[in-house]
N, C-alpha and C. Protein backbone atom coordinates (compact mmCIF):
# COMPACT_ATOMS: atom_id res chain seq x y z
N UNK A 1 148.06 149.33 129.81
CA UNK A 1 148.63 149.17 128.54
C UNK A 1 149.59 147.83 128.50
N UNK A 2 150.52 147.93 129.56
CA UNK A 2 151.60 147.02 129.79
C UNK A 2 150.79 145.72 129.92
N UNK A 3 149.66 146.05 131.00
CA UNK A 3 149.35 144.34 131.79
C UNK A 3 148.85 144.07 130.48
N UNK A 4 148.07 144.77 130.10
CA UNK A 4 146.91 144.07 128.43
C UNK A 4 147.81 142.99 127.81
N UNK A 5 148.98 143.65 127.30
CA UNK A 5 150.16 143.13 126.86
C UNK A 5 150.64 141.96 127.23
N UNK A 6 151.15 141.88 128.75
CA UNK A 6 151.64 141.14 129.29
C UNK A 6 150.49 139.95 129.35
N UNK A 7 149.42 140.67 129.68
CA UNK A 7 148.37 139.42 129.46
C UNK A 7 148.00 138.28 128.22
N UNK A 8 148.33 139.01 127.15
CA UNK A 8 148.22 138.63 126.03
C UNK A 8 149.25 137.72 125.58
N UNK A 9 150.32 138.15 126.17
CA UNK A 9 151.96 137.23 125.78
C UNK A 9 151.61 135.96 126.57
N UNK A 10 150.95 136.22 127.79
CA UNK A 10 150.86 134.82 128.49
C UNK A 10 149.84 134.20 127.87
N UNK A 11 148.77 134.73 127.78
CA UNK A 11 147.71 133.80 127.25
C UNK A 11 148.41 133.24 125.85
N UNK A 12 149.15 133.52 124.90
CA UNK A 12 149.96 133.05 123.45
C UNK A 12 150.62 131.89 123.95
N UNK A 13 151.56 132.31 125.06
CA UNK A 13 152.37 131.00 125.23
C UNK A 13 151.65 129.93 125.99
N UNK A 14 150.56 129.97 126.80
CA UNK A 14 149.85 128.96 127.20
C UNK A 14 149.33 128.13 125.85
N UNK A 15 148.54 128.77 124.97
CA UNK A 15 147.71 128.37 124.12
C UNK A 15 149.12 127.60 123.09
N UNK A 16 150.07 128.32 122.91
CA UNK A 16 151.09 127.60 122.30
C UNK A 16 151.31 126.82 122.81
N UNK A 17 151.69 125.87 123.70
CA UNK A 17 152.19 125.23 124.50
C UNK A 17 150.90 123.95 124.25
N UNK A 18 149.95 124.49 124.21
CA UNK A 18 148.57 123.37 124.20
C UNK A 18 148.53 123.18 122.73
N UNK A 19 148.85 124.06 121.77
CA UNK A 19 149.00 123.76 120.05
C UNK A 19 149.92 122.71 120.20
N UNK A 20 151.38 123.12 120.36
CA UNK A 20 152.54 122.62 120.03
C UNK A 20 152.52 120.76 120.47
N UNK A 21 151.78 120.33 121.59
CA UNK A 21 151.69 119.60 122.24
C UNK A 21 150.16 118.75 122.32
N UNK A 22 149.49 119.10 121.18
CA UNK A 22 148.12 118.82 121.36
C UNK A 22 147.55 117.10 121.13
N UNK A 23 148.42 116.36 120.60
CA UNK A 23 148.35 114.94 120.58
C UNK A 23 148.73 114.46 121.84
N UNK A 24 150.19 114.91 122.17
CA UNK A 24 150.43 114.31 123.84
C UNK A 24 149.42 114.52 124.73
N UNK A 25 148.70 116.07 124.73
CA UNK A 25 147.75 115.96 125.66
C UNK A 25 146.55 115.27 125.54
N UNK A 26 146.01 114.93 124.15
CA UNK A 26 144.97 114.36 123.65
C UNK A 26 145.17 112.76 124.30
N UNK A 27 146.29 112.30 124.27
CA UNK A 27 146.46 110.92 124.66
C UNK A 27 146.66 110.26 125.84
N UNK A 28 146.86 111.14 126.44
CA UNK A 28 147.26 111.38 128.15
C UNK A 28 145.57 111.84 128.86
N UNK A 29 145.04 112.71 128.21
CA UNK A 29 143.72 113.04 128.80
C UNK A 29 142.79 111.69 128.08
N UNK A 30 142.81 111.27 126.93
CA UNK A 30 141.98 109.81 126.70
C UNK A 30 142.42 108.67 127.67
N UNK A 31 143.49 108.83 128.10
CA UNK A 31 143.82 107.59 129.08
C UNK A 31 143.13 107.30 129.97
N UNK A 32 143.12 108.97 130.82
CA UNK A 32 142.43 109.30 132.18
C UNK A 32 141.19 109.26 132.19
N UNK A 33 140.12 109.14 130.79
CA UNK A 33 139.06 109.35 130.69
C UNK A 33 138.58 107.76 130.35
N UNK A 34 139.14 107.27 129.69
CA UNK A 34 139.06 105.70 129.67
C UNK A 34 139.29 105.07 130.85
N UNK A 35 140.37 105.45 131.46
CA UNK A 35 140.06 104.60 132.55
C UNK A 35 139.30 105.08 133.98
N UNK A 36 138.92 106.24 133.49
CA UNK A 36 137.86 106.81 135.01
C UNK A 36 136.29 105.90 134.29
N UNK A 37 135.88 106.04 132.68
CA UNK A 37 135.12 105.50 132.47
C UNK A 37 134.91 103.94 133.11
N UNK A 38 136.09 103.18 132.70
CA UNK A 38 136.03 101.67 133.18
C UNK A 38 136.00 101.55 134.86
N UNK A 39 136.43 102.55 135.45
CA UNK A 39 136.10 102.44 137.06
C UNK A 39 134.90 102.71 137.49
N UNK A 40 133.85 103.57 136.47
CA UNK A 40 132.66 103.98 137.08
C UNK A 40 131.58 102.66 136.14
N UNK A 41 132.58 101.67 135.81
CA UNK A 41 131.80 100.75 134.91
C UNK A 41 130.69 101.22 133.85
N UNK A 42 131.17 102.15 132.76
CA UNK A 42 130.66 102.85 131.90
C UNK A 42 131.07 102.17 130.35
N UNK A 43 130.50 101.86 129.46
CA UNK A 43 130.87 101.48 128.29
C UNK A 43 130.75 102.39 127.32
N UNK A 44 131.79 103.01 126.74
CA UNK A 44 131.82 104.14 125.93
C UNK A 44 132.50 103.47 124.63
N UNK A 45 132.02 103.92 123.59
CA UNK A 45 132.64 103.14 122.03
C UNK A 45 134.09 104.26 122.31
N UNK A 46 135.13 103.88 121.22
CA UNK A 46 136.15 104.58 121.09
C UNK A 46 135.70 106.17 120.46
N UNK A 47 134.66 106.05 119.65
CA UNK A 47 134.27 107.38 119.06
C UNK A 47 133.83 108.15 120.15
N UNK A 48 132.91 107.69 121.15
CA UNK A 48 132.26 108.18 122.03
C UNK A 48 133.82 108.56 122.76
N UNK A 49 134.45 108.21 123.12
CA UNK A 49 135.87 108.30 124.36
C UNK A 49 136.15 109.53 123.37
N UNK A 50 136.71 109.49 122.23
CA UNK A 50 137.33 110.81 121.36
C UNK A 50 136.65 111.67 121.30
N UNK A 51 135.53 111.86 121.69
CA UNK A 51 134.52 113.15 121.67
C UNK A 51 134.78 113.76 122.81
N UNK A 52 134.44 112.72 123.98
CA UNK A 52 134.70 113.77 125.26
C UNK A 52 136.15 113.97 125.14
N UNK A 53 137.03 113.29 125.04
CA UNK A 53 138.28 113.86 125.21
C UNK A 53 138.48 115.03 124.30
N UNK A 54 137.80 115.09 122.84
CA UNK A 54 138.63 116.52 122.73
C UNK A 54 137.78 117.50 123.30
N UNK A 55 135.94 117.13 123.97
CA UNK A 55 135.58 118.30 124.47
C UNK A 55 136.18 118.84 125.68
N UNK A 56 136.86 117.84 126.30
CA UNK A 56 137.15 117.88 127.53
C UNK A 56 138.70 119.06 127.33
N UNK A 57 139.71 118.50 126.28
CA UNK A 57 140.88 119.46 125.98
C UNK A 57 140.54 121.03 125.53
N UNK A 58 139.13 121.02 124.74
CA UNK A 58 138.42 122.22 124.63
C UNK A 58 138.43 123.21 125.68
N UNK A 59 137.77 122.49 126.46
CA UNK A 59 137.49 122.96 127.62
C UNK A 59 138.19 123.43 128.43
N UNK A 60 139.28 122.46 128.40
CA UNK A 60 140.53 122.98 129.68
C UNK A 60 141.19 124.59 128.82
N UNK A 61 141.28 124.49 127.49
CA UNK A 61 141.99 125.60 126.93
C UNK A 61 141.05 126.79 127.37
N UNK A 62 140.09 126.30 126.84
CA UNK A 62 139.09 127.91 127.18
C UNK A 62 138.96 128.15 128.72
N UNK A 63 139.39 127.01 129.70
CA UNK A 63 139.08 127.55 131.25
C UNK A 63 140.69 128.70 131.36
N UNK A 64 141.66 128.07 130.87
CA UNK A 64 143.13 128.72 130.98
C UNK A 64 143.22 130.00 130.20
N UNK A 65 142.32 130.13 128.98
CA UNK A 65 142.16 131.49 128.27
C UNK A 65 141.42 132.66 129.64
N UNK A 66 140.25 132.16 129.81
CA UNK A 66 139.71 132.95 130.77
C UNK A 66 139.94 132.76 131.76
N UNK A 67 140.70 132.24 132.57
CA UNK A 67 141.39 132.41 133.82
C UNK A 67 142.73 133.56 133.87
N UNK A 68 143.24 133.44 132.73
CA UNK A 68 144.23 134.37 132.06
C UNK A 68 143.57 135.79 131.84
N UNK A 69 142.72 135.92 131.14
CA UNK A 69 141.87 136.98 131.07
C UNK A 69 141.53 137.77 132.57
N UNK A 70 140.81 136.76 133.17
CA UNK A 70 140.20 137.21 134.52
C UNK A 70 141.21 137.80 135.69
N UNK A 71 142.44 137.08 135.41
CA UNK A 71 143.67 137.91 136.49
C UNK A 71 143.99 138.68 135.74
N UNK A 72 144.01 139.24 134.31
CA UNK A 72 145.08 140.56 134.41
C UNK A 72 144.05 141.43 134.31
N UNK A 73 142.66 141.19 134.25
CA UNK A 73 141.50 142.29 133.99
C UNK A 73 141.20 142.75 135.44
N UNK A 74 141.75 141.85 136.26
CA UNK A 74 141.47 142.30 137.99
C UNK A 74 142.33 143.28 138.33
N UNK A 75 143.38 143.48 137.65
CA UNK A 75 144.36 144.11 138.23
C UNK A 75 144.32 145.67 138.20
């Protein structure tokens, strides 16, 4: 039970950081994606880049949550 609660507290802390800094994370991720798209000579519109950014942000938070849960369940 203690490990379970520790996992939940850890997960809440990770997601809390993402929640408190969502705009900064999105801006940073947007810049990375825009730069990568330019280096690959792909012409995305601003709305497409924002959609890709939001999907990437969601994917990263889900991956962190999954990894945290998996780590604590394997103990």
